[in-house]
Amino acid sequence: MRKGVKAAVVGSVFTVMVAGAGYGAYNFVSALSDDGGTAPAGQNKPLRSGPPSSAEVQETSREFFAAWEQGQGARAASLTNFAEEAEPVLTSFGQDAHLTDVQITPGATQGRTVPFSVRATVSYDGKSKPLAYRSTLTVVRGESTGRALVDWEPSVVHPSLKDGDILVTEESATPQVEAVDRNGTVLSPKKYPSLGPILDELRARYGEQAGGTPGVELAVRHTASEAADTTLLTLSEGRPGKLRTTLSATAQAAAEQAVGRYDESSVVAVKPSTGEILAVANNRADGFNAAFLGQVAPGSTMKIVSAAMLIDTGLTSMNGPAPCPPQAVSESQTFHNLKDMAPNEGATLSESFARSCNTAFIKFADEVQVDSLTREAQERFGIGRDDWKVGVPSFDGSVPAAGGPDTAAGLIGQGQVQMSPLNMASVTATAMTGAFRQPVIVPQSLDGRELAKARGLSGDTVAQLRAMMNRTATSGTAASVMSGLSGSSIGAKTGSAEVDGNTKADSWFTGYRDDVAAAAMAQQGGRGGEAAGPIVAAVLRAGG
């Protein structure tokens, strides 16, 4: 199925309204508000208020189901509180998705919520298959009309639909791919659920090059983004082409199992000697690939880059001074450490790094240039230049040259600094080897794409970073998580990032063991060792 393209949804709705009769004109008026259709006759009467009654819930859902079953997308949309958004999705059900013989069976109403099951037949080019699934809808009171209306969410039509999505059935533009790991093991989304959206992207980009033949499919088309189509049902099998990835089935299995223990968590593992991605896993309610695309503050894991910058600019060294007072002030903003951290005015950079002392880094804020951290990230670590070509969409990190208190905040991975687990795994790999090797999930030889480059680090800086990360892993804040991990070399850095409005910090952790580097994040997971740490340790234990 071809990659989704952005569409002018409002324009398409207007076209349908002009072309259609009756419901088209009605729907145009209703699209001007969030209440679906127009007000009933006798508008001078007081509008009804309060939650819909049981009878209203039954009547509205019945009318909605009837219009949907009969392929009347505009009519069904007018029974929702966002008709202009609902109409393209409901219309695509019968037209673009070629779904016929629709039978909707409501279940027992639970307050204002109606569960229901859908049975239909997908028919295209002489091929057909049955489709069955379950969903729910909720009936609400329209604010301006007082009508009982279906509370519109795309997931009402199908649980896989999100904003901007429609259903389509057609011959796929790209053949299916049989993705295999670095050793030839097949990577199926059924066995490795996190790989589902990634395999969709790989298919969209490399399906034709993999040598397969297309089939016919029912899929979700993501018209509001550049994401690849998501296959729901295959009517006729094409012949899949084989696509070799850099992933390791062993590391991937460990990553899937590890994130499964912590909500809203993501992890990435890379091979520092090559930049090859060994594993990527997410456990998120929204299905978002935050491991590659997340854009959040990385907390104290950013101190790897900050420490490298302090060393490279000559402001201090591993054994040089980095006092850890109870608080530090920069640009009239006061920064603190964790409440249980004892101050140490005579601390070295190594000691403050291992203890993750915030104020030790903040104290250098007045001595660095506004763009010092930005240049270190871009020129040494390859971060924040928007030039990575991983093989699937990725966020390349952002370390803007922000003045004021954000200069200090950036040193401890807060302020305007944003990273993904992929970025931090790459940072750790660079700190371990000294060379920036842009992460890849398919070999560069597959398409000859130009990979990003950066200067990397000097041997002296690498030696100091590795010593500090090893100290953190053996006697610092990461010691309990990394205990029991053997290997010729290990290192780690913990982090927690405060996010406005959240009661708990985001948990971050990054580490390496021999030729594997991994980074994880668990949103609102607490301190680094509480959620992200065990995830990284599990992946490092599995190896590559």
Protein backbone atom coordinates (compact mmCIF):
# COMPACT_ATOMS: atom_id res chain seq x y z
CA MET A 1 0.00 0.00 0.00
CA ARG A 2 1.45 3.35 -0.95
CA LYS A 3 2.61 5.77 1.63
CA GLY A 4 -0.08 8.11 2.95
CA VAL A 5 -0.05 11.66 1.64
CA LYS A 6 -1.41 14.83 3.15
CA ALA A 7 -4.87 15.75 1.91
CA ALA A 8 -7.02 18.86 2.08
CA VAL A 9 -9.77 17.26 4.12
CA VAL A 10 -12.03 20.31 4.24
CA GLY A 11 -11.78 20.66 0.48
CA SER A 12 -12.73 17.03 -0.04
CA VAL A 13 -15.70 17.42 2.26
CA PHE A 14 -16.89 20.45 0.32
CA THR A 15 -16.65 18.50 -2.93
CA VAL A 16 -18.87 15.79 -1.54
CA MET A 17 -21.36 18.34 -0.28
CA VAL A 18 -21.64 20.05 -3.63
CA ALA A 19 -21.91 16.78 -5.52
CA GLY A 20 -24.41 15.17 -3.18
CA ALA A 21 -28.08 16.00 -2.88
CA GLY A 22 -30.05 16.78 0.24
CA TYR A 23 -27.59 15.74 2.91
CA GLY A 24 -24.76 17.67 1.23
CA ALA A 25 -26.34 21.09 1.79
CA TYR A 26 -27.47 20.07 5.26
CA ASN A 27 -24.01 18.93 6.19
CA PHE A 28 -22.40 22.16 5.01
CA VAL A 29 -24.40 24.16 7.51
CA SER A 30 -23.75 21.69 10.29
CA ALA A 31 -20.00 21.78 9.63
CA LEU A 32 -19.89 25.37 10.89
CA SER A 33 -20.32 24.21 14.49
CA ASP A 34 -19.20 21.36 16.69
CA ASP A 35 -22.74 20.02 17.04
CA GLY A 36 -23.16 17.99 13.88
CA GLY A 37 -26.53 18.87 12.29
CA THR A 38 -28.68 21.94 12.57
CA ALA A 39 -31.12 22.60 15.35
CA PRO A 40 -34.54 20.95 15.16
CA ALA A 41 -37.64 22.85 14.10
CA GLY A 42 -39.09 25.24 16.64
CA GLN A 43 -35.80 26.80 17.63
CA ASN A 44 -37.59 29.22 19.95
CA LYS A 45 -38.15 26.37 22.33
CA PRO A 46 -35.61 26.08 25.18
CA LEU A 47 -32.68 23.84 24.25
CA ARG A 48 -32.44 20.57 26.09
CA SER A 49 -29.49 20.32 28.47
CA GLY A 50 -27.82 17.78 30.67
CA PRO A 51 -26.70 14.27 29.73
CA PRO A 52 -28.76 12.49 27.05
CA SER A 53 -31.46 10.22 28.38
CA SER A 54 -31.42 6.47 27.86
CA ALA A 55 -34.05 6.84 25.16
CA GLU A 56 -31.99 9.49 23.36
CA VAL A 57 -28.87 7.29 23.50
CA GLN A 58 -30.83 4.41 21.99
CA GLU A 59 -32.45 6.54 19.27
CA THR A 60 -29.28 8.40 18.24
CA SER A 61 -27.14 5.27 18.08
CA ARG A 62 -29.89 3.44 16.15
CA GLU A 63 -30.11 6.20 13.55
CA PHE A 64 -26.32 6.43 13.30
CA PHE A 65 -25.94 2.66 12.80
CA ALA A 66 -28.72 2.62 10.19
CA ALA A 67 -27.15 5.39 8.12
CA TRP A 68 -23.74 3.77 8.40
CA GLU A 69 -25.08 0.35 7.32
CA GLN A 70 -26.78 1.91 4.31
CA GLY A 71 -23.60 3.67 3.17
CA GLN A 72 -25.01 7.14 3.90
CA GLY A 73 -21.79 8.70 5.12
CA ALA A 74 -23.06 12.30 5.12
CA ARG A 75 -26.23 11.32 6.99
CA ALA A 76 -24.28 9.33 9.59
CA ALA A 77 -21.82 12.21 9.99
CA SER A 78 -24.68 14.68 10.63
CA LEU A 79 -25.56 12.60 13.69
CA THR A 80 -22.13 13.33 15.24
CA ASN A 81 -20.85 16.44 16.99
CA PHE A 82 -18.08 16.97 14.39
CA ALA A 83 -19.73 16.26 11.05
CA GLU A 84 -16.99 17.82 8.92
CA GLU A 85 -14.41 15.43 10.41
CA ALA A 86 -16.66 12.39 10.48
CA GLU A 87 -17.96 12.55 6.90
CA PRO A 88 -14.73 11.61 5.02
CA VAL A 89 -14.13 8.64 7.32
CA LEU A 90 -17.68 7.31 7.12
CA THR A 91 -17.81 7.83 3.36
CA SER A 92 -14.49 6.05 2.85
CA PHE A 93 -15.92 3.00 4.62
CA GLY A 94 -18.18 2.15 1.70
CA GLN A 95 -16.42 3.89 -1.18
CA ASP A 96 -12.63 3.75 -0.72
CA ALA A 97 -12.61 0.64 1.48
CA HIS A 98 -15.17 -1.23 -0.69
CA LEU A 99 -16.99 -2.58 2.36
CA THR A 100 -20.46 -3.99 1.67
CA ASP A 101 -23.14 -6.05 3.47
CA VAL A 102 -22.49 -4.04 6.62
CA GLN A 103 -24.22 -5.39 9.73
CA ILE A 104 -23.86 -3.52 13.01
CA THR A 105 -25.05 -5.20 16.20
CA PRO A 106 -25.24 -3.03 19.34
CA GLY A 107 -24.48 -4.53 22.70
CA ALA A 108 -25.84 -3.66 26.11
CA THR A 109 -25.75 0.10 26.63
CA GLN A 110 -23.57 1.23 29.53
CA GLY A 111 -24.80 4.67 30.53
CA ARG A 112 -24.17 6.84 27.44
CA THR A 113 -21.74 4.34 25.88
CA VAL A 114 -22.86 1.77 23.34
CA PRO A 115 -20.56 -1.15 22.48
CA PHE A 116 -21.18 -2.74 19.12
CA SER A 117 -19.84 -5.28 16.66
CA VAL A 118 -19.37 -4.79 12.93
CA ARG A 119 -19.52 -7.45 10.24
CA ALA A 120 -18.93 -6.61 6.59
CA THR A 121 -17.50 -7.96 3.36
CA VAL A 122 -14.45 -6.45 1.69
CA SER A 123 -14.80 -6.81 -2.09
CA TYR A 124 -12.30 -5.64 -4.69
CA ASP A 125 -11.54 -6.75 -8.25
CA GLY A 126 -13.38 -10.06 -7.90
CA LYS A 127 -11.81 -10.87 -4.54
CA SER A 128 -13.65 -10.71 -1.23
CA LYS A 129 -13.14 -11.51 2.45
CA PRO A 130 -15.23 -11.08 5.60
CA LEU A 131 -14.26 -8.46 8.15
CA ALA A 132 -15.39 -8.44 11.79
CA TYR A 133 -14.38 -6.25 14.73
CA ARG A 134 -15.76 -4.46 17.81
CA SER A 135 -15.93 -0.80 18.76
CA THR A 136 -17.85 1.63 20.99
CA LEU A 137 -19.49 5.03 20.73
CA THR A 138 -20.66 7.57 23.28
CA VAL A 139 -23.68 9.88 22.92
CA VAL A 140 -23.34 13.46 24.16
CA ARG A 141 -25.46 16.61 24.22
CA GLY A 142 -24.74 19.13 21.45
CA GLU A 143 -23.74 22.45 23.01
CA SER A 144 -25.50 24.80 20.60
CA THR A 145 -28.39 22.61 19.41
CA GLY A 146 -29.24 20.56 22.47
CA ARG A 147 -29.40 17.46 20.24
CA ALA A 148 -28.20 14.04 21.29
CA LEU A 149 -25.21 13.30 19.05
CA VAL A 150 -22.51 10.67 18.66
CA ASP A 151 -19.28 11.95 20.22
CA TRP A 152 -17.01 11.75 17.19
CA GLU A 153 -13.74 9.84 17.28
CA PRO A 154 -12.32 8.06 14.20
CA SER A 155 -11.97 4.94 16.35
CA VAL A 156 -15.78 4.69 16.36
CA VAL A 157 -15.58 3.48 12.75
CA HIS A 158 -12.59 1.22 13.37
CA PRO A 159 -10.34 0.94 16.45
CA SER A 160 -7.20 1.42 14.31
CA LEU A 161 -8.29 4.83 12.99
CA LYS A 162 -6.89 8.08 14.36
CA ASP A 163 -7.40 11.71 13.35
CA GLY A 164 -6.87 12.19 9.62
CA ASP A 165 -7.10 8.46 8.79
CA ILE A 166 -9.41 6.78 6.27
CA LEU A 167 -9.93 3.18 5.14
CA VAL A 168 -8.89 2.07 1.65
CA THR A 169 -8.88 -1.21 -0.28
CA GLU A 170 -6.72 -1.50 -3.37
CA GLU A 171 -3.78 -3.27 -4.95
CA SER A 172 -0.76 -2.32 -2.91
CA ALA A 173 1.74 -0.01 -4.57
CA THR A 174 4.57 -1.79 -2.76
CA PRO A 175 4.83 -5.53 -2.16
CA GLN A 176 4.88 -7.03 1.29
CA VAL A 177 8.33 -7.56 2.74
CA GLU A 178 9.65 -10.38 4.84
CA ALA A 179 11.99 -8.50 7.14
CA VAL A 180 14.81 -10.55 8.62
CA ASP A 181 17.34 -9.73 11.29
CA ARG A 182 21.11 -9.61 10.85
CA ASN A 183 21.26 -13.42 11.06
CA GLY A 184 18.31 -14.17 8.77
CA THR A 185 15.65 -14.68 11.45
CA VAL A 186 12.20 -13.52 10.29
CA LEU A 187 10.90 -10.48 12.21
CA SER A 188 7.11 -10.66 12.30
CA PRO A 189 4.97 -7.98 13.97
CA LYS A 190 3.01 -10.75 15.66
CA LYS A 191 6.10 -11.92 17.54
CA TYR A 192 7.64 -8.46 17.87
CA PRO A 193 4.70 -6.01 18.19
CA SER A 194 6.86 -2.89 18.37
CA LEU A 195 8.10 -3.52 14.86
CA GLY A 196 4.63 -3.22 13.27
CA PRO A 197 4.78 0.49 12.30
CA ILE A 198 8.50 0.24 11.54
CA LEU A 199 7.97 -2.67 9.14
CA ASP A 200 5.19 -0.63 7.47
CA GLU A 201 7.69 2.18 6.90
CA LEU A 202 10.36 -0.20 5.64
CA ARG A 203 7.88 -1.72 3.23
CA ALA A 204 6.83 1.71 1.93
CA ARG A 205 10.44 2.70 1.31
CA TYR A 206 12.03 -0.55 0.21
CA GLY A 207 9.19 -2.87 -0.83
CA GLU A 208 9.87 -2.50 -4.54
CA GLN A 209 13.60 -3.04 -4.06
CA ALA A 210 13.04 -6.21 -2.03
CA GLY A 211 11.80 -8.08 -5.11
CA GLY A 212 8.25 -9.10 -4.17
CA THR A 213 4.93 -8.75 -5.99
CA PRO A 214 1.94 -6.73 -4.67
CA GLY A 215 -1.30 -8.09 -3.26
CA VAL A 216 -4.72 -6.55 -2.53
CA GLU A 217 -5.30 -5.14 0.96
CA LEU A 218 -7.64 -3.25 3.24
CA ALA A 219 -5.54 -0.64 5.01
CA VAL A 220 -5.58 2.51 7.11
CA ARG A 221 -4.35 5.48 5.10
CA HIS A 222 -2.82 8.20 7.27
CA THR A 223 -3.78 11.25 5.20
CA ALA A 224 -2.72 13.72 7.89
CA SER A 225 0.90 12.52 8.05
CA GLU A 226 3.66 10.94 6.03
CA ALA A 227 3.29 7.61 7.83
CA ALA A 228 3.04 4.47 5.74
CA ASP A 229 -0.33 2.77 5.32
CA THR A 230 -1.23 0.19 7.97
CA THR A 231 -2.55 -3.10 6.59
CA LEU A 232 -5.69 -4.47 8.30
CA LEU A 233 -6.69 -7.35 6.00
CA THR A 234 -5.08 -9.02 2.99
CA LEU A 235 -7.53 -10.08 0.29
CA SER A 236 -4.94 -11.70 -1.93
CA GLU A 237 -1.36 -12.47 -1.11
CA GLY A 238 1.41 -11.06 -3.21
CA ARG A 239 4.86 -12.54 -2.98
CA PRO A 240 6.85 -10.83 -0.22
CA GLY A 241 10.39 -9.70 -0.91
CA LYS A 242 13.12 -10.35 1.63
CA LEU A 243 14.52 -7.29 3.39
CA ARG A 244 17.57 -7.64 5.62
CA THR A 245 17.70 -5.29 8.60
CA THR A 246 20.41 -4.57 11.16
CA LEU A 247 18.18 -5.76 14.02
CA SER A 248 19.02 -8.67 16.30
CA ALA A 249 16.12 -11.00 17.08
CA THR A 250 17.72 -11.77 20.47
CA ALA A 251 18.03 -8.11 21.45
CA GLN A 252 14.60 -7.30 20.03
CA ALA A 253 12.93 -10.04 22.08
CA ALA A 254 14.62 -8.75 25.25
CA ALA A 255 13.59 -5.17 24.43
CA GLU A 256 9.95 -6.14 23.83
CA GLN A 257 9.80 -8.02 27.11
CA ALA A 258 11.55 -5.24 29.04
CA VAL A 259 9.28 -2.36 27.94
CA GLY A 260 6.25 -4.56 28.59
CA ARG A 261 6.88 -4.13 32.32
CA TYR A 262 6.66 -0.32 32.29
CA ASP A 263 3.91 1.87 30.87
CA GLU A 264 4.72 4.55 28.27
CA SER A 265 8.26 3.25 27.83
CA SER A 266 10.63 3.02 24.86
CA VAL A 267 14.12 1.64 24.27
CA VAL A 268 16.73 1.53 21.49
CA ALA A 269 19.95 -0.48 21.29
CA VAL A 270 22.76 0.17 18.82
CA LYS A 271 26.10 -1.42 17.97
CA PRO A 272 28.69 1.31 18.70
CA SER A 273 31.32 -0.11 16.35
CA THR A 274 29.02 0.19 13.32
CA GLY A 275 25.98 2.35 14.23
CA GLU A 276 23.66 -0.55 13.42
CA ILE A 277 20.38 -0.55 15.35
CA LEU A 278 19.97 -3.83 17.19
CA ALA A 279 16.57 -3.31 18.82
CA VAL A 280 13.72 -0.82 19.06
CA ALA A 281 10.68 -1.31 21.27
CA ASN A 282 7.78 0.76 22.57
CA ASN A 283 5.03 0.11 25.10
CA ARG A 284 2.68 3.05 24.67
CA ALA A 285 -1.09 3.42 24.76
CA ASP A 286 -1.01 5.67 21.67
CA GLY A 287 1.14 3.31 19.57
CA PHE A 288 3.61 6.14 18.86
CA ASN A 289 7.18 5.18 17.96
CA ALA A 290 8.68 7.38 20.67
CA ALA A 291 11.88 5.34 20.54
CA PHE A 292 12.73 7.00 17.20
CA LEU A 293 10.43 10.01 17.09
CA GLY A 294 10.10 11.15 20.72
CA GLN A 295 10.95 14.79 21.40
CA VAL A 296 11.30 15.20 25.15
CA ALA A 297 13.84 16.47 27.65
CA PRO A 298 16.44 13.75 28.41
CA GLY A 299 17.31 14.95 31.91
CA SER A 300 20.72 14.11 33.30
CA THR A 301 21.62 11.63 30.56
CA MET A 302 22.46 14.84 28.65
CA LYS A 303 25.36 15.34 31.08
CA ILE A 304 27.37 13.00 28.83
CA VAL A 305 27.35 15.72 26.14
CA SER A 306 27.73 18.49 28.73
CA ALA A 307 30.73 16.79 30.35
CA ALA A 308 32.33 16.31 26.93
CA MET A 309 31.80 20.00 26.21
CA LEU A 310 33.39 21.05 29.52
CA ILE A 311 36.41 18.86 28.79
CA ASP A 312 36.73 19.92 25.13
CA THR A 313 36.53 23.63 25.99
CA GLY A 314 39.10 23.27 28.79
CA LEU A 315 36.77 24.42 31.56
CA THR A 316 37.50 21.35 33.65
CA SER A 317 38.42 17.67 33.38
CA MET A 318 37.45 14.35 34.91
CA ASN A 319 39.67 15.02 37.93
CA GLY A 320 39.21 18.78 37.79
CA PRO A 321 36.89 20.82 40.01
CA ALA A 322 33.11 20.60 39.70
CA PRO A 323 31.76 21.64 43.12
CA CYS A 324 28.33 20.32 44.11
CA PRO A 325 26.57 22.96 46.27
CA PRO A 326 22.99 22.46 47.49
CA GLN A 327 21.73 25.04 44.98
CA ALA A 328 23.01 27.18 42.12
CA VAL A 329 21.67 30.36 40.52
CA SER A 330 21.92 31.27 36.85
CA GLU A 331 20.14 34.20 35.20
CA SER A 332 18.09 34.70 38.40
CA GLN A 333 16.80 31.12 38.28
CA THR A 334 17.63 28.78 41.15
CA PHE A 335 18.45 25.14 40.45
CA HIS A 336 18.47 22.33 43.01
CA ASN A 337 19.67 18.76 43.34
CA LEU A 338 17.60 15.79 44.40
CA LYS A 339 16.51 16.42 47.98
CA ASP A 340 18.54 13.53 49.43
CA MET A 341 21.87 14.56 47.83
CA ALA A 342 24.53 15.79 50.23
CA PRO A 343 26.54 18.80 48.97
CA ASN A 344 30.24 18.45 48.19
CA GLU A 345 32.05 21.73 47.54
CA GLY A 346 35.29 19.88 46.76
CA ALA A 347 33.87 17.47 44.21
CA THR A 348 35.58 16.64 40.92
CA LEU A 349 33.70 16.38 37.64
CA SER A 350 33.88 12.58 37.90
CA GLU A 351 32.31 12.62 41.36
CA SER A 352 29.56 15.07 40.39
CA PHE A 353 28.84 13.12 37.18
CA ALA A 354 28.57 9.79 39.02
CA ARG A 355 26.25 11.29 41.64
CA SER A 356 24.33 13.22 38.95
CA CYS A 357 24.76 16.56 40.73
CA ASN A 358 22.80 19.21 38.86
CA THR A 359 24.33 22.23 40.53
CA ALA A 360 27.87 21.17 39.57
CA PHE A 361 26.94 21.59 35.92
CA ILE A 362 24.82 24.71 36.46
CA LYS A 363 27.84 26.43 38.06
CA PHE A 364 29.55 26.39 34.64
CA ALA A 365 26.63 28.13 32.88
CA ASP A 366 28.17 31.59 33.17
CA GLU A 367 31.49 30.38 31.73
CA VAL A 368 30.22 28.69 28.57
CA GLN A 369 29.11 30.38 25.38
CA VAL A 370 25.41 30.37 24.55
CA ASP A 371 26.09 27.94 21.69
CA SER A 372 28.81 25.81 23.34
CA LEU A 373 26.50 22.87 24.04
CA THR A 374 24.86 23.21 20.62
CA ARG A 375 28.20 23.02 18.82
CA GLU A 376 29.36 20.07 20.92
CA ALA A 377 26.15 18.17 20.16
CA GLN A 378 26.21 18.93 16.44
CA GLU A 379 29.93 18.77 15.63
CA ARG A 380 31.02 15.97 17.96
CA PHE A 381 27.91 13.82 18.48
CA GLY A 382 26.02 14.46 15.20
CA ILE A 383 22.93 15.56 17.16
CA GLY A 384 20.48 18.29 16.13
CA ARG A 385 21.34 18.76 12.45
CA ASP A 386 18.29 17.07 10.88
CA ASP A 387 20.38 14.98 8.49
CA TRP A 388 20.09 11.39 9.76
CA LYS A 389 18.95 8.81 7.22
CA VAL A 390 18.16 5.85 9.43
CA GLY A 391 15.98 4.02 6.90
CA VAL A 392 12.70 5.02 8.57
CA PRO A 393 11.58 8.40 9.95
CA SER A 394 13.50 9.57 13.01
CA PHE A 395 14.00 12.66 15.14
CA ASP A 396 17.66 13.69 15.19
CA GLY A 397 17.62 15.53 18.52
CA SER A 398 17.52 19.26 19.21
CA VAL A 399 20.01 21.29 21.28
CA PRO A 400 19.25 24.91 20.40
CA ALA A 401 21.52 27.78 21.36
CA ALA A 402 19.11 29.15 23.96
CA GLY A 403 20.08 32.09 26.12
CA GLY A 404 18.92 33.11 29.58
CA PRO A 405 18.23 30.37 32.13
CA ASP A 406 17.84 27.85 29.28
CA THR A 407 21.62 27.87 28.83
CA ALA A 408 21.97 26.45 32.33
CA ALA A 409 18.94 24.18 32.02
CA GLY A 410 20.35 22.67 28.82
CA LEU A 411 23.44 21.48 30.69
CA ILE A 412 21.25 19.13 32.73
CA GLY A 413 19.01 18.07 29.83
CA GLN A 414 16.13 20.42 30.54
CA GLY A 415 15.06 23.74 29.05
CA GLN A 416 14.78 23.47 25.26
CA VAL A 417 16.88 20.32 24.81
CA GLN A 418 14.88 17.47 23.24
CA MET A 419 15.94 13.90 22.58
CA SER A 420 14.64 10.43 21.77
CA PRO A 421 16.01 7.12 23.08
CA LEU A 422 17.60 6.65 19.63
CA ASN A 423 19.49 9.93 20.06
CA MET A 424 20.74 9.03 23.52
CA ALA A 425 21.79 5.52 22.47
CA SER A 426 23.84 7.17 19.72
CA VAL A 427 25.32 9.67 22.19
CA THR A 428 26.41 6.78 24.41
CA ALA A 429 27.90 4.91 21.46
CA THR A 430 29.90 8.01 20.46
CA ALA A 431 31.11 8.54 24.03
CA MET A 432 32.22 4.90 24.13
CA THR A 433 34.08 4.76 20.81
CA GLY A 434 34.88 8.39 20.05
CA ALA A 435 33.43 8.04 16.55
CA PHE A 436 29.97 9.23 15.50
CA ARG A 437 28.37 6.54 13.38
CA GLN A 438 24.88 7.51 12.30
CA PRO A 439 22.39 4.84 13.42
CA VAL A 440 20.85 2.74 10.64
CA ILE A 441 18.14 0.06 10.61
CA VAL A 442 18.86 -1.11 7.05
CA PRO A 443 22.34 -1.21 5.50
CA GLN A 444 23.48 1.87 3.61
CA SER A 445 24.31 -0.41 0.70
CA LEU A 446 20.59 -1.07 0.16
CA ASP A 447 19.98 2.35 -1.38
CA GLY A 448 23.28 4.23 -1.25
CA ARG A 449 21.83 7.02 0.90
CA GLU A 450 24.33 9.50 2.32
CA LEU A 451 24.73 9.12 6.07
CA ALA A 452 25.30 12.00 8.47
CA LYS A 453 28.84 12.72 9.63
CA ALA A 454 30.41 14.41 12.64
CA ARG A 455 33.96 14.94 13.96
CA GLY A 456 33.61 12.70 16.97
CA LEU A 457 35.69 12.95 20.13
CA SER A 458 39.39 12.95 20.90
CA GLY A 459 40.92 9.90 22.51
CA ASP A 460 41.53 11.85 25.73
CA THR A 461 37.89 12.97 25.99
CA VAL A 462 36.66 9.42 25.31
CA ALA A 463 38.93 8.01 28.01
CA GLN A 464 37.52 10.49 30.54
CA LEU A 465 33.89 9.91 29.55
CA ARG A 466 34.28 6.14 29.73
CA ALA A 467 35.93 6.40 33.14
CA MET A 468 33.11 8.60 34.45
CA MET A 469 30.39 6.39 32.99
CA ASN A 470 32.07 3.31 34.41
CA ARG A 471 32.20 4.96 37.82
CA THR A 472 28.50 5.77 37.54
CA ALA A 473 27.76 2.14 36.67
CA THR A 474 29.86 0.61 39.42
CA SER A 475 29.55 3.00 42.37
CA GLY A 476 27.28 5.87 41.30
CA THR A 477 23.58 6.33 40.67
CA ALA A 478 23.44 3.45 38.15
CA ALA A 479 25.25 0.89 40.29
CA SER A 480 22.19 -0.98 41.55
CA VAL A 481 20.75 -1.33 38.04
CA MET A 482 24.03 -2.37 36.41
CA SER A 483 25.08 -4.81 39.13
CA GLY A 484 25.56 -8.33 37.84
CA LEU A 485 26.40 -7.21 34.30
CA SER A 486 29.76 -8.62 33.32
CA GLY A 487 31.85 -7.58 30.35
CA SER A 488 35.15 -6.08 29.36
CA SER A 489 33.63 -2.60 29.58
CA ILE A 490 30.45 -1.20 31.10
CA GLY A 491 29.21 2.32 31.69
CA ALA A 492 25.97 4.16 32.33
CA LYS A 493 24.24 7.44 33.12
CA THR A 494 20.93 7.97 34.88
CA GLY A 495 18.49 10.79 34.30
CA SER A 496 15.11 12.16 35.26
CA ALA A 497 13.38 15.01 33.47
CA GLU A 498 10.77 17.28 34.98
CA VAL A 499 7.82 18.03 32.72
CA ASP A 500 5.35 20.82 33.45
CA GLY A 501 2.02 19.49 34.65
CA ASN A 502 3.27 15.96 35.42
CA THR A 503 3.32 14.67 38.97
CA LYS A 504 6.30 12.38 38.29
CA ALA A 505 9.46 12.93 36.29
CA ASP A 506 10.26 11.09 33.08
CA SER A 507 12.68 8.25 33.77
CA TRP A 508 15.81 8.10 31.55
CA PHE A 509 18.77 5.73 31.49
CA THR A 510 21.54 5.01 29.03
CA GLY A 511 24.41 2.57 29.21
CA TYR A 512 26.80 0.31 27.35
CA ARG A 513 28.25 -3.15 27.75
CA ASP A 514 30.94 -4.33 25.34
CA ASP A 515 29.66 -3.56 21.81
CA VAL A 516 26.06 -2.72 22.73
CA ALA A 517 24.77 0.71 23.78
CA ALA A 518 21.15 1.26 24.81
CA ALA A 519 18.94 4.08 26.03
CA ALA A 520 15.42 4.01 27.43
CA MET A 521 12.74 6.43 28.55
CA ALA A 522 9.57 5.86 30.56
CA GLN A 523 7.31 8.90 30.70
CA GLN A 524 6.35 9.68 34.30
CA GLY A 525 8.45 6.68 35.33
CA GLY A 526 10.27 8.51 38.14
CA ARG A 527 14.03 8.41 38.63
CA GLY A 528 16.32 6.86 36.06
CA GLY A 529 16.88 3.66 37.96
CA GLU A 530 13.21 3.06 38.67
CA ALA A 531 11.91 2.26 35.17
CA ALA A 532 14.30 3.12 32.33
CA GLY A 533 17.27 1.56 34.12
CA PRO A 534 15.91 -1.99 34.37
CA ILE A 535 14.85 -1.81 30.70
CA VAL A 536 18.36 -0.90 29.54
CA ALA A 537 19.96 -3.49 31.82
CA ALA A 538 17.74 -6.23 30.36
CA VAL A 539 18.71 -5.29 26.80
CA LEU A 540 22.41 -5.07 27.65
CA ARG A 541 22.21 -8.46 29.33
CA ALA A 542 20.80 -9.99 26.16
CA GLY A 543 23.63 -8.58 24.05
CA GLY A 544 23.63 -8.25 20.29
